[in-house]
Amino acid sequence: MSEERYIPIELRGILPISRTMEIQGHNKELKEKAKALFTKSPRAAFSLNIDHTMPSPAFMKLTSQLLQRHTSLLIQLRTRHKVLNRHLAQMGKVESPACPACGRHNEMVHHFLFRCRAHDEHRKILDLSLKRHGKSGKMLFACPKALSASFKYISVTKCFKGTQGSVELPEEDK
């Protein structure tokens, strides 16, 4: 520590806090609180399998060019918190958790994306565009190049048309 006599008079004593430093500290604290809240969420485990950095700047970058309805749908699918019959049945909004397309299995995100036989033909969009990566939720929801194919698949199935409207990405967002 310097002797006080060598320090200019203006700099002696307690210095005011830099406004920029104060803002940065506040933002850092908010991000830490958000991450802690997210980690405690029951939806975090599935989402962290897709993107272990959540919540993160990478997700913000991934969704920065998307419309709000696309970002909303992406978050819902990534957290398995989508308005599909399994979720709706748990909330008491529908009587059966069965998939309305095939009627054989509970309608859940994984079933809708990878297993539903009623969507086999539509799933070729993913297979042709993404090859083996079309079988990975991590790729479908976290890779910028896969988003276009993912939203095209979701759009042609018409699964969310009633709640989301058109979900295919506009040309400039692809």
Foldseek 3Di string as FASTA:
>chain_A
DDDPVVDPPVPPDDDDDDPVVVVVVVVVVVVVVVVVVLVPDPLNVQLCVLPVQPPDVLLCVLCVLPDPLLNVVLVCLSSQNDPALVNCVVVVNDVDQAHPQQRPDGDTSLCLQPNPPSLPVLLVLLCVQPNPCSNDPSCCRRPSSNVQSNQSSVQVVCPCCVPRNRRHTDPVSD
